[in-house]
Amino acid sequence: MSESQNTIYSLSRDYGKLFRLICEGHRIAAWADTFSMRDAEGNPYRDICEVRRSGAYEIMISARGTGYGNVWPFMKEEGTEEDVFAKACKGCNLEWIDPVPDAK
């Protein structure tokens, strides 16, 4: 997220923690960059979306039928499920709402 954007949510890029949460069955709210729409400064617009896992190598990062990053069984050759998932998250600049931020 650009420095000019402001949010009251505790956002995270800890994709390892997010992977563990979705493997436990949680559905997590997140923000992802759009692929085609940008503001006047050239920054991508961001959409709120859901991250969920329905099975091994079956992870969706999506909203209203739009996929921002997915993990599918044919991607097994690309690495572990967690590694492929992290790559998908990075590809759409995913930031997720951490319901319980780690204590500092």
PDB file of N, CA and C in Angstrom:
ATOM      1  N   MET A   1       0.857  -1.163   0.000  1.00  0.00           N
ATOM      2  CA  MET A   1       0.000   0.000   0.000  1.00  0.00           C
ATOM      3  C   MET A   1       0.905   1.230   0.000  1.00  0.00           C
ATOM      4  N   SER A   2       0.541   2.230  -0.789  1.00  0.00           N
ATOM      5  CA  SER A   2       1.369   3.424  -0.837  1.00  0.00           C
ATOM      6  C   SER A   2       1.276   4.184   0.482  1.00  0.00           C
ATOM      7  N   GLU A   3       2.293   4.990   0.738  1.00  0.00           N
ATOM      8  CA  GLU A   3       2.340   5.729   1.993  1.00  0.00           C
ATOM      9  C   GLU A   3       1.190   6.729   2.111  1.00  0.00           C
ATOM     10  N   SER A   4       0.598   7.139   0.984  1.00  0.00           N
ATOM     11  CA  SER A   4      -0.473   8.129   1.034  1.00  0.00           C
ATOM     12  C   SER A   4      -1.806   7.521   1.466  1.00  0.00           C
ATOM     13  N   GLN A   5      -1.931   6.205   1.416  1.00  0.00           N
ATOM     14  CA  GLN A   5      -3.173   5.579   1.829  1.00  0.00           C
ATOM     15  C   GLN A   5      -3.165   5.377   3.333  1.00  0.00           C
ATOM     16  N   ASN A   6      -4.351   5.435   3.918  1.00  0.00           N
ATOM     17  CA  ASN A   6      -4.468   5.344   5.362  1.00  0.00           C
ATOM     18  C   ASN A   6      -5.524   4.302   5.699  1.00  0.00           C
ATOM     19  N   THR A   7      -5.252   3.496   6.704  1.00  0.00           N
ATOM     20  CA  THR A   7      -6.214   2.492   7.129  1.00  0.00           C
ATOM     21  C   THR A   7      -6.171   2.343   8.640  1.00  0.00           C
ATOM     22  N   ILE A   8      -7.291   1.958   9.215  1.00  0.00           N
ATOM     23  CA  ILE A   8      -7.334   1.712  10.653  1.00  0.00           C
ATOM     24  C   ILE A   8      -7.091   0.245  10.966  1.00  0.00           C
ATOM     25  N   TYR A   9      -6.955  -0.590   9.934  1.00  0.00           N
ATOM     26  CA  TYR A   9      -6.761  -2.021  10.129  1.00  0.00           C
ATOM     27  C   TYR A   9      -5.290  -2.348  10.321  1.00  0.00           C
ATOM     28  N   SER A  10      -5.040  -3.430  11.018  1.00  0.00           N
ATOM     29  CA  SER A  10      -3.688  -3.940  11.162  1.00  0.00           C
ATOM     30  C   SER A  10      -3.422  -4.852   9.966  1.00  0.00           C
ATOM     31  N   LEU A  11      -2.680  -4.347   8.985  1.00  0.00           N
ATOM     32  CA  LEU A  11      -2.412  -5.097   7.765  1.00  0.00           C
ATOM     33  C   LEU A  11      -1.081  -5.815   7.855  1.00  0.00           C
ATOM     34  N   SER A  12      -1.000  -6.955   7.202  1.00  0.00           N
ATOM     35  CA  SER A  12       0.203  -7.776   7.267  1.00  0.00           C
ATOM     36  C   SER A  12       0.593  -8.288   5.888  1.00  0.00           C
ATOM     37  N   ARG A  13       1.881  -8.504   5.719  1.00  0.00           N
ATOM     38  CA  ARG A  13       2.426  -9.195   4.544  1.00  0.00           C
ATOM     39  C   ARG A  13       3.109 -10.486   4.987  1.00  0.00           C
ATOM     40  N   ASP A  14       2.779 -10.967   6.160  1.00  0.00           N
ATOM     41  CA  ASP A  14       3.332 -12.228   6.662  1.00  0.00           C
ATOM     42  C   ASP A  14       2.559 -13.364   5.993  1.00  0.00           C
ATOM     43  N   TYR A  15       3.036 -13.769   4.813  1.00  0.00           N
ATOM     44  CA  TYR A  15       2.314 -14.761   4.027  1.00  0.00           C
ATOM     45  C   TYR A  15       2.409 -16.155   4.645  1.00  0.00           C
ATOM     46  N   GLY A  16       3.432 -16.409   5.445  1.00  0.00           N
ATOM     47  CA  GLY A  16       3.531 -17.675   6.157  1.00  0.00           C
ATOM     48  C   GLY A  16       2.405 -17.816   7.165  1.00  0.00           C
ATOM     49  N   LYS A  17       2.164 -16.747   7.924  1.00  0.00           N
ATOM     50  CA  LYS A  17       1.070 -16.762   8.909  1.00  0.00           C
ATOM     51  C   LYS A  17      -0.279 -16.866   8.200  1.00  0.00           C
ATOM     52  N   LEU A  18      -0.441 -16.136   7.119  1.00  0.00           N
ATOM     53  CA  LEU A  18      -1.688 -16.191   6.362  1.00  0.00           C
ATOM     54  C   LEU A  18      -1.920 -17.611   5.836  1.00  0.00           C
ATOM     55  N   PHE A  19      -0.869 -18.250   5.329  1.00  0.00           N
ATOM     56  CA  PHE A  19      -0.996 -19.618   4.837  1.00  0.00           C
ATOM     57  C   PHE A  19      -1.455 -20.555   5.951  1.00  0.00           C
ATOM     58  N   ARG A  20      -0.862 -20.420   7.129  1.00  0.00           N
ATOM     59  CA  ARG A  20      -1.280 -21.270   8.253  1.00  0.00           C
ATOM     60  C   ARG A  20      -2.747 -21.044   8.601  1.00  0.00           C
ATOM     61  N   LEU A  21      -3.191 -19.790   8.599  1.00  0.00           N
ATOM     62  CA  LEU A  21      -4.586 -19.486   8.935  1.00  0.00           C
ATOM     63  C   LEU A  21      -5.557 -20.083   7.925  1.00  0.00           C
ATOM     64  N   ILE A  22      -5.264 -19.942   6.637  1.00  0.00           N
ATOM     65  CA  ILE A  22      -6.198 -20.488   5.646  1.00  0.00           C
ATOM     66  C   ILE A  22      -6.169 -22.016   5.652  1.00  0.00           C
ATOM     67  N   CYS A  23      -5.019 -22.608   6.010  1.00  0.00           N
ATOM     68  CA  CYS A  23      -4.955 -24.075   6.126  1.00  0.00           C
ATOM     69  C   CYS A  23      -5.790 -24.572   7.302  1.00  0.00           C
ATOM     70  N   GLU A  24      -6.008 -23.716   8.291  1.00  0.00           N
ATOM     71  CA  GLU A  24      -6.878 -24.054   9.427  1.00  0.00           C
ATOM     72  C   GLU A  24      -8.350 -23.853   9.077  1.00  0.00           C
ATOM     73  N   GLY A  25      -8.629 -23.355   7.878  1.00  0.00           N
ATOM     74  CA  GLY A  25     -10.008 -23.172   7.435  1.00  0.00           C
ATOM     75  C   GLY A  25     -10.532 -21.753   7.513  1.00  0.00           C
ATOM     76  N   HIS A  26      -9.703 -20.800   7.934  1.00  0.00           N
ATOM     77  CA  HIS A  26     -10.152 -19.409   8.029  1.00  0.00           C
ATOM     78  C   HIS A  26     -10.252 -18.781   6.642  1.00  0.00           C
ATOM     79  N   ARG A  27     -11.195 -17.878   6.498  1.00  0.00           N
ATOM     80  CA  ARG A  27     -11.335 -17.057   5.295  1.00  0.00           C
ATOM     81  C   ARG A  27     -10.943 -15.652   5.713  1.00  0.00           C
ATOM     82  N   ILE A  28      -9.959 -15.089   5.034  1.00  0.00           N
ATOM     83  CA  ILE A  28      -9.330 -13.855   5.490  1.00  0.00           C
ATOM     84  C   ILE A  28      -9.586 -12.712   4.503  1.00  0.00           C
ATOM     85  N   ALA A  29      -9.932 -11.544   5.041  1.00  0.00           N
ATOM     86  CA  ALA A  29     -10.108 -10.342   4.227  1.00  0.00           C
ATOM     87  C   ALA A  29      -8.746  -9.717   3.947  1.00  0.00           C
ATOM     88  N   ALA A  30      -8.601  -9.194   2.729  1.00  0.00           N
ATOM     89  CA  ALA A  30      -7.314  -8.629   2.314  1.00  0.00           C
ATOM     90  C   ALA A  30      -7.529  -7.552   1.257  1.00  0.00           C
ATOM     91  N   TRP A  31      -6.447  -6.860   0.924  1.00  0.00           N
ATOM     92  CA  TRP A  31      -6.430  -5.911  -0.185  1.00  0.00           C
ATOM     93  C   TRP A  31      -5.432  -6.398  -1.213  1.00  0.00           C
ATOM     94  N   ALA A  32      -5.783  -6.243  -2.500  1.00  0.00           N
ATOM     95  CA  ALA A  32      -4.891  -6.616  -3.601  1.00  0.00           C
ATOM     96  C   ALA A  32      -4.932  -5.518  -4.652  1.00  0.00           C
ATOM     97  N   ASP A  33      -3.829  -5.360  -5.362  1.00  0.00           N
ATOM     98  CA  ASP A  33      -3.784  -4.396  -6.456  1.00  0.00           C
ATOM     99  C   ASP A  33      -4.639  -4.884  -7.618  1.00  0.00           C
ATOM    100  N   THR A  34      -5.333  -3.945  -8.268  1.00  0.00           N
ATOM    101  CA  THR A  34      -6.017  -4.281  -9.513  1.00  0.00           C
ATOM    102  C   THR A  34      -4.954  -4.384 -10.601  1.00  0.00           C
ATOM    103  N   PHE A  35      -5.274  -5.072 -11.663  1.00  0.00           N
ATOM    104  CA  PHE A  35      -4.289  -5.263 -12.725  1.00  0.00           C
ATOM    105  C   PHE A  35      -4.350  -4.194 -13.799  1.00  0.00           C
ATOM    106  N   SER A  36      -5.473  -3.503 -13.906  1.00  0.00           N
ATOM    107  CA  SER A  36      -5.623  -2.601 -15.046  1.00  0.00           C
ATOM    108  C   SER A  36      -5.965  -1.157 -14.706  1.00  0.00           C
ATOM    109  N   MET A  37      -6.378  -0.866 -13.485  1.00  0.00           N
ATOM    110  CA  MET A  37      -6.813   0.490 -13.170  1.00  0.00           C
ATOM    111  C   MET A  37      -5.813   1.167 -12.242  1.00  0.00           C
ATOM    112  N   ARG A  38      -5.468   2.429 -12.595  1.00  0.00           N
ATOM    113  CA  ARG A  38      -4.494   3.191 -11.812  1.00  0.00           C
ATOM    114  C   ARG A  38      -5.010   4.601 -11.571  1.00  0.00           C
ATOM    115  N   ASP A  39      -4.517   5.225 -10.501  1.00  0.00           N
ATOM    116  CA  ASP A  39      -4.904   6.609 -10.207  1.00  0.00           C
ATOM    117  C   ASP A  39      -4.056   7.559 -11.048  1.00  0.00           C
ATOM    118  N   ALA A  40      -4.264   8.856 -10.854  1.00  0.00           N
ATOM    119  CA  ALA A  40      -3.575   9.869 -11.656  1.00  0.00           C
ATOM    120  C   ALA A  40      -2.053   9.815 -11.488  1.00  0.00           C
ATOM    121  N   GLU A  41      -1.572   9.327 -10.351  1.00  0.00           N
ATOM    122  CA  GLU A  41      -0.125   9.220 -10.114  1.00  0.00           C
ATOM    123  C   GLU A  41       0.453   7.900 -10.619  1.00  0.00           C
ATOM    124  N   GLY A  42      -0.395   7.035 -11.159  1.00  0.00           N
ATOM    125  CA  GLY A  42       0.077   5.760 -11.679  1.00  0.00           C
ATOM    126  C   GLY A  42       0.063   4.620 -10.679  1.00  0.00           C
ATOM    127  N   ASN A  43      -0.462   4.865  -9.476  1.00  0.00           N
ATOM    128  CA  ASN A  43      -0.557   3.804  -8.470  1.00  0.00           C
ATOM    129  C   ASN A  43      -1.777   2.934  -8.760  1.00  0.00           C
ATOM    130  N   PRO A  44      -1.636   1.618  -8.638  1.00  0.00           N
ATOM    131  CA  PRO A  44      -2.803   0.764  -8.898  1.00  0.00           C
ATOM    132  C   PRO A  44      -3.879   0.957  -7.840  1.00  0.00           C
ATOM    133  N   TYR A  45      -5.129   0.902  -8.283  1.00  0.00           N
ATOM    134  CA  TYR A  45      -6.229   0.874  -7.327  1.00  0.00           C
ATOM    135  C   TYR A  45      -6.182  -0.470  -6.618  1.00  0.00           C
ATOM    136  N   ARG A  46      -6.730  -0.497  -5.402  1.00  0.00           N
ATOM    137  CA  ARG A  46      -6.718  -1.729  -4.619  1.00  0.00           C
ATOM    138  C   ARG A  46      -8.144  -2.151  -4.324  1.00  0.00           C
ATOM    139  N   ASP A  47      -8.378  -3.436  -4.392  1.00  0.00           N
ATOM    140  CA  ASP A  47      -9.684  -3.999  -4.093  1.00  0.00           C
ATOM    141  C   ASP A  47      -9.605  -4.814  -2.812  1.00  0.00           C
ATOM    142  N   ILE A  48     -10.696  -4.794  -2.055  1.00  0.00           N
ATOM    143  CA  ILE A  48     -10.774  -5.703  -0.916  1.00  0.00           C
ATOM    144  C   ILE A  48     -11.213  -7.058  -1.477  1.00  0.00           C
ATOM    145  N   CYS A  49     -10.614  -8.107  -0.964  1.00  0.00           N
ATOM    146  CA  CYS A  49     -10.886  -9.438  -1.478  1.00  0.00           C
ATOM    147  C   CYS A  49     -10.830 -10.453  -0.345  1.00  0.00           C
ATOM    148  N   GLU A  50     -11.081 -11.699  -0.685  1.00  0.00           N
ATOM    149  CA  GLU A  50     -11.069 -12.775   0.295  1.00  0.00           C
ATOM    150  C   GLU A  50      -9.999 -13.788  -0.092  1.00  0.00           C
ATOM    151  N   VAL A  51      -9.307 -14.308   0.923  1.00  0.00           N
ATOM    152  CA  VAL A  51      -8.320 -15.365   0.716  1.00  0.00           C
ATOM    153  C   VAL A  51      -8.867 -16.619   1.386  1.00  0.00           C
ATOM    154  N   ARG A  52      -8.961 -17.705   0.628  1.00  0.00           N
ATOM    155  CA  ARG A  52      -9.499 -18.947   1.182  1.00  0.00           C
ATOM    156  C   ARG A  52      -8.850 -20.152   0.500  1.00  0.00           C
ATOM    157  N   ARG A  53      -8.865 -21.259   1.202  1.00  0.00           N
ATOM    158  CA  ARG A  53      -8.273 -22.506   0.694  1.00  0.00           C
ATOM    159  C   ARG A  53      -9.331 -23.588   0.763  1.00  0.00           C
ATOM    160  N   SER A  54      -9.526 -24.295  -0.346  1.00  0.00           N
ATOM    161  CA  SER A  54     -10.515 -25.382  -0.354  1.00  0.00           C
ATOM    162  C   SER A  54      -9.858 -26.757  -0.367  1.00  0.00           C
ATOM    163  N   GLY A  55      -8.544 -26.811  -0.545  1.00  0.00           N
ATOM    164  CA  GLY A  55      -7.819 -28.075  -0.543  1.00  0.00           C
ATOM    165  C   GLY A  55      -6.373 -27.839  -0.923  1.00  0.00           C
ATOM    166  N   ALA A  56      -5.602 -28.908  -0.965  1.00  0.00           N
ATOM    167  CA  ALA A  56      -4.186 -28.796  -1.318  1.00  0.00           C
ATOM    168  C   ALA A  56      -4.031 -28.184  -2.710  1.00  0.00           C
ATOM    169  N   TYR A  57      -3.235 -27.145  -2.789  1.00  0.00           N
ATOM    170  CA  TYR A  57      -3.001 -26.420  -4.046  1.00  0.00           C
ATOM    171  C   TYR A  57      -4.304 -25.899  -4.646  1.00  0.00           C
ATOM    172  N   GLU A  58      -5.236 -25.509  -3.809  1.00  0.00           N
ATOM    173  CA  GLU A  58      -6.490 -24.892  -4.253  1.00  0.00           C
ATOM    174  C   GLU A  58      -6.770 -23.691  -3.370  1.00  0.00           C
ATOM    175  N   ILE A  59      -6.136 -22.573  -3.711  1.00  0.00           N
ATOM    176  CA  ILE A  59      -6.256 -21.335  -2.942  1.00  0.00           C
ATOM    177  C   ILE A  59      -6.733 -20.232  -3.875  1.00  0.00           C
ATOM    178  N   MET A  60      -7.700 -19.474  -3.395  1.00  0.00           N
ATOM    179  CA  MET A  60      -8.253 -18.376  -4.187  1.00  0.00           C
ATOM    180  C   MET A  60      -8.029 -17.053  -3.463  1.00  0.00           C
ATOM    181  N   ILE A  61      -7.586 -16.070  -4.203  1.00  0.00           N
ATOM    182  CA  ILE A  61      -7.533 -14.679  -3.757  1.00  0.00           C
ATOM    183  C   ILE A  61      -8.458 -13.959  -4.730  1.00  0.00           C
ATOM    184  N   SER A  62      -9.680 -13.633  -4.275  1.00  0.00           N
ATOM    185  CA  SER A  62     -10.666 -13.157  -5.233  1.00  0.00           C
ATOM    186  C   SER A  62     -11.745 -12.293  -4.592  1.00  0.00           C
ATOM    187  N   ALA A  63     -12.485 -11.615  -5.477  1.00  0.00           N
ATOM    188  CA  ALA A  63     -13.658 -10.815  -5.085  1.00  0.00           C
ATOM    189  C   ALA A  63     -14.579 -10.701  -6.284  1.00  0.00           C
ATOM    190  N   ARG A  64     -15.835 -10.946  -6.056  1.00  0.00           N
ATOM    191  CA  ARG A  64     -16.859 -10.770  -7.099  1.00  0.00           C
ATOM    192  C   ARG A  64     -16.484 -11.431  -8.425  1.00  0.00           C
ATOM    193  N   GLY A  65     -15.896 -12.601  -8.388  1.00  0.00           N
ATOM    194  CA  GLY A  65     -15.546 -13.312  -9.610  1.00  0.00           C
ATOM    195  C   GLY A  65     -14.227 -12.889 -10.237  1.00  0.00           C
ATOM    196  N   THR A  66     -13.543 -11.939  -9.627  1.00  0.00           N
ATOM    197  CA  THR A  66     -12.243 -11.513 -10.136  1.00  0.00           C
ATOM    198  C   THR A  66     -11.151 -12.162  -9.305  1.00  0.00           C
ATOM    199  N   GLY A  67     -10.263 -12.879  -9.947  1.00  0.00           N
ATOM    200  CA  GLY A  67      -9.141 -13.501  -9.258  1.00  0.00           C
ATOM    201  C   GLY A  67      -7.918 -12.609  -9.317  1.00  0.00           C
ATOM    202  N   TYR A  68      -7.264 -12.441  -8.181  1.00  0.00           N
ATOM    203  CA  TYR A  68      -6.055 -11.622  -8.109  1.00  0.00           C
ATOM    204  C   TYR A  68      -4.809 -12.492  -8.034  1.00  0.00           C
ATOM    205  N   GLY A  69      -4.985 -13.688  -7.556  1.00  0.00           N
ATOM    206  CA  GLY A  69      -3.905 -14.652  -7.463  1.00  0.00           C
ATOM    207  C   GLY A  69      -4.501 -15.962  -6.994  1.00  0.00           C
ATOM    208  N   ASN A  70      -4.131 -17.040  -7.643  1.00  0.00           N
ATOM    209  CA  ASN A  70      -4.676 -18.344  -7.288  1.00  0.00           C
ATOM    210  C   ASN A  70      -3.562 -19.366  -7.256  1.00  0.00           C
ATOM    211  N   VAL A  71      -3.822 -20.446  -6.548  1.00  0.00           N
ATOM    212  CA  VAL A  71      -2.933 -21.592  -6.529  1.00  0.00           C
ATOM    213  C   VAL A  71      -3.761 -22.788  -6.957  1.00  0.00           C
ATOM    214  N   TRP A  72      -3.284 -23.503  -7.977  1.00  0.00           N
ATOM    215  CA  TRP A  72      -4.007 -24.644  -8.528  1.00  0.00           C
ATOM    216  C   TRP A  72      -3.114 -25.875  -8.541  1.00  0.00           C
ATOM    217  N   PRO A  73      -3.708 -27.086  -8.561  1.00  0.00           N
ATOM    218  CA  PRO A  73      -2.915 -28.320  -8.533  1.00  0.00           C
ATOM    219  C   PRO A  73      -1.838 -28.406  -9.616  1.00  0.00           C
ATOM    220  N   PHE A  74      -2.066 -27.853 -10.794  1.00  0.00           N
ATOM    221  CA  PHE A  74      -1.050 -27.939 -11.842  1.00  0.00           C
ATOM    222  C   PHE A  74       0.225 -27.163 -11.499  1.00  0.00           C
ATOM    223  N   MET A  75       0.188 -26.362 -10.431  1.00  0.00           N
ATOM    224  CA  MET A  75       1.348 -25.563 -10.020  1.00  0.00           C
ATOM    225  C   MET A  75       2.288 -26.321  -9.086  1.00  0.00           C
ATOM    226  N   LYS A  76       1.999 -27.575  -8.782  1.00  0.00           N
ATOM    227  CA  LYS A  76       2.831 -28.349  -7.864  1.00  0.00           C
ATOM    228  C   LYS A  76       4.299 -28.372  -8.290  1.00  0.00           C
ATOM    229  N   GLU A  77       4.555 -28.349  -9.572  1.00  0.00           N
ATOM    230  CA  GLU A  77       5.925 -28.374 -10.086  1.00  0.00           C
ATOM    231  C   GLU A  77       6.691 -27.089  -9.779  1.00  0.00           C
ATOM    232  N   GLU A  78       5.980 -26.023  -9.418  1.00  0.00           N
ATOM    233  CA  GLU A  78       6.615 -24.729  -9.153  1.00  0.00           C
ATOM    234  C   GLU A  78       7.161 -24.608  -7.738  1.00  0.00           C
ATOM    235  N   GLY A  79       6.831 -25.551  -6.863  1.00  0.00           N
ATOM    236  CA  GLY A  79       7.333 -25.508  -5.493  1.00  0.00           C
ATOM    237  C   GLY A  79       6.296 -25.987  -4.504  1.00  0.00           C
ATOM    238  N   THR A  80       6.615 -25.809  -3.224  1.00  0.00           N
ATOM    239  CA  THR A  80       5.667 -26.197  -2.193  1.00  0.00           C
ATOM    240  C   THR A  80       4.425 -25.322  -2.299  1.00  0.00           C
ATOM    241  N   GLU A  81       3.341 -25.796  -1.747  1.00  0.00           N
ATOM    242  CA  GLU A  81       2.103 -25.013  -1.787  1.00  0.00           C
ATOM    243  C   GLU A  81       2.301 -23.644  -1.138  1.00  0.00           C
ATOM    244  N   GLU A  82       3.002 -23.613  -0.017  1.00  0.00           N
ATOM    245  CA  GLU A  82       3.230 -22.333   0.669  1.00  0.00           C
ATOM    246  C   GLU A  82       4.082 -21.396  -0.175  1.00  0.00           C
ATOM    247  N   ASP A  83       5.108 -21.917  -0.843  1.00  0.00           N
ATOM    248  CA  ASP A  83       5.963 -21.070  -1.690  1.00  0.00           C
ATOM    249  C   ASP A  83       5.185 -20.517  -2.878  1.00  0.00           C
ATOM    250  N   VAL A  84       4.367 -21.355  -3.517  1.00  0.00           N
ATOM    251  CA  VAL A  84       3.557 -20.907  -4.658  1.00  0.00           C
ATOM    252  C   VAL A  84       2.547 -19.862  -4.194  1.00  0.00           C
ATOM    253  N   PHE A  85       1.974 -20.081  -3.016  1.00  0.00           N
ATOM    254  CA  PHE A  85       1.024 -19.126  -2.453  1.00  0.00           C
ATOM    255  C   PHE A  85       1.695 -17.778  -2.183  1.00  0.00           C
ATOM    256  N   ALA A  86       2.879 -17.792  -1.572  1.00  0.00           N
ATOM    257  CA  ALA A  86       3.594 -16.542  -1.282  1.00  0.00           C
ATOM    258  C   ALA A  86       3.893 -15.787  -2.573  1.00  0.00           C
ATOM    259  N   LYS A  87       4.245 -16.501  -3.613  1.00  0.00           N
ATOM    260  CA  LYS A  87       4.521 -15.863  -4.907  1.00  0.00           C
ATOM    261  C   LYS A  87       3.252 -15.198  -5.460  1.00  0.00           C
ATOM    262  N   ALA A  88       2.103 -15.874  -5.325  1.00  0.00           N
ATOM    263  CA  ALA A  88       0.834 -15.298  -5.777  1.00  0.00           C
ATOM    264  C   ALA A  88       0.501 -14.035  -4.982  1.00  0.00           C
ATOM    265  N   CYS A  89       0.749 -14.079  -3.671  1.00  0.00           N
ATOM    266  CA  CYS A  89       0.482 -12.917  -2.811  1.00  0.00           C
ATOM    267  C   CYS A  89       1.347 -11.734  -3.206  1.00  0.00           C
ATOM    268  N   LYS A  90       2.621 -11.990  -3.434  1.00  0.00           N
ATOM    269  CA  LYS A  90       3.539 -10.918  -3.835  1.00  0.00           C
ATOM    270  C   LYS A  90       3.135 -10.341  -5.184  1.00  0.00           C
ATOM    271  N   GLY A  91       2.661 -11.211  -6.079  1.00  0.00           N
ATOM    272  CA  GLY A  91       2.278 -10.772  -7.418  1.00  0.00           C
ATOM    273  C   GLY A  91       1.136  -9.780  -7.441  1.00  0.00           C
ATOM    274  N   CYS A  92       0.256  -9.848  -6.456  1.00  0.00           N
ATOM    275  CA  CYS A  92      -0.869  -8.900  -6.411  1.00  0.00           C
ATOM    276  C   CYS A  92      -0.719  -7.901  -5.261  1.00  0.00           C
ATOM    277  N   ASN A  93       0.487  -7.844  -4.665  1.00  0.00           N
ATOM    278  CA  ASN A  93       0.782  -6.890  -3.597  1.00  0.00           C
ATOM    279  C   ASN A  93      -0.224  -7.031  -2.446  1.00  0.00           C
ATOM    280  N   LEU A  94      -0.483  -8.264  -2.057  1.00  0.00           N
ATOM    281  CA  LEU A  94      -1.507  -8.564  -1.063  1.00  0.00           C
ATOM    282  C   LEU A  94      -1.115  -8.082   0.335  1.00  0.00           C
ATOM    283  N   GLU A  95      -2.053  -7.424   0.983  1.00  0.00           N
ATOM    284  CA  GLU A  95      -1.958  -7.090   2.402  1.00  0.00           C
ATOM    285  C   GLU A  95      -3.244  -7.586   3.032  1.00  0.00           C
ATOM    286  N   TRP A  96      -3.114  -8.343   4.104  1.00  0.00           N
ATOM    287  CA  TRP A  96      -4.294  -8.949   4.714  1.00  0.00           C
ATOM    288  C   TRP A  96      -4.535  -8.389   6.098  1.00  0.00           C
ATOM    289  N   ILE A  97      -5.804  -8.449   6.507  1.00  0.00           N
ATOM    290  CA  ILE A  97      -6.190  -7.948   7.816  1.00  0.00           C
ATOM    291  C   ILE A  97      -5.873  -9.024   8.837  1.00  0.00           C
ATOM    292  N   ASP A  98      -4.897  -8.727   9.679  1.00  0.00           N
ATOM    293  CA  ASP A  98      -4.475  -9.666  10.713  1.00  0.00           C
ATOM    294  C   ASP A  98      -5.383  -9.463  11.917  1.00  0.00           C
ATOM    295  N   PRO A  99      -6.275 -10.429  12.204  1.00  0.00           N
ATOM    296  CA  PRO A  99      -7.215 -10.245  13.312  1.00  0.00           C
ATOM    297  C   PRO A  99      -6.534 -10.249  14.681  1.00  0.00           C
ATOM    298  N   VAL A 100      -5.360 -10.881  14.764  1.00  0.00           N
ATOM    299  CA  VAL A 100      -4.629 -10.938  16.010  1.00  0.00           C
ATOM    300  C   VAL A 100      -3.145 -10.667  15.696  1.00  0.00           C
ATOM    301  N   PRO A 101      -2.781  -9.378  15.602  1.00  0.00           N
ATOM    302  CA  PRO A 101      -1.380  -9.068  15.297  1.00  0.00           C
ATOM    303  C   PRO A 101      -0.440  -9.651  16.347  1.00  0.00           C
ATOM    304  N   ASP A 102       0.717 -10.091  15.899  1.00  0.00           N
ATOM    305  CA  ASP A 102       1.718 -10.613  16.820  1.00  0.00           C
ATOM    306  C   ASP A 102       2.136  -9.530  17.797  1.00  0.00           C
ATOM    307  N   ALA A 103       2.289  -9.901  19.063  1.00  0.00           N
ATOM    308  CA  ALA A 103       2.730  -8.947  20.072  1.00  0.00           C
ATOM    309  C   ALA A 103       4.171  -8.551  19.783  1.00  0.00           C
ATOM    310  N   LYS A 104       4.492  -7.310  20.026  1.00  0.00           N
ATOM    311  CA  LYS A 104       5.865  -6.837  19.762  1.00  0.00           C
ATOM    312  C   LYS A 104       6.598  -6.646  21.045  1.00  0.00           C
TER     313      LYS A 104
END
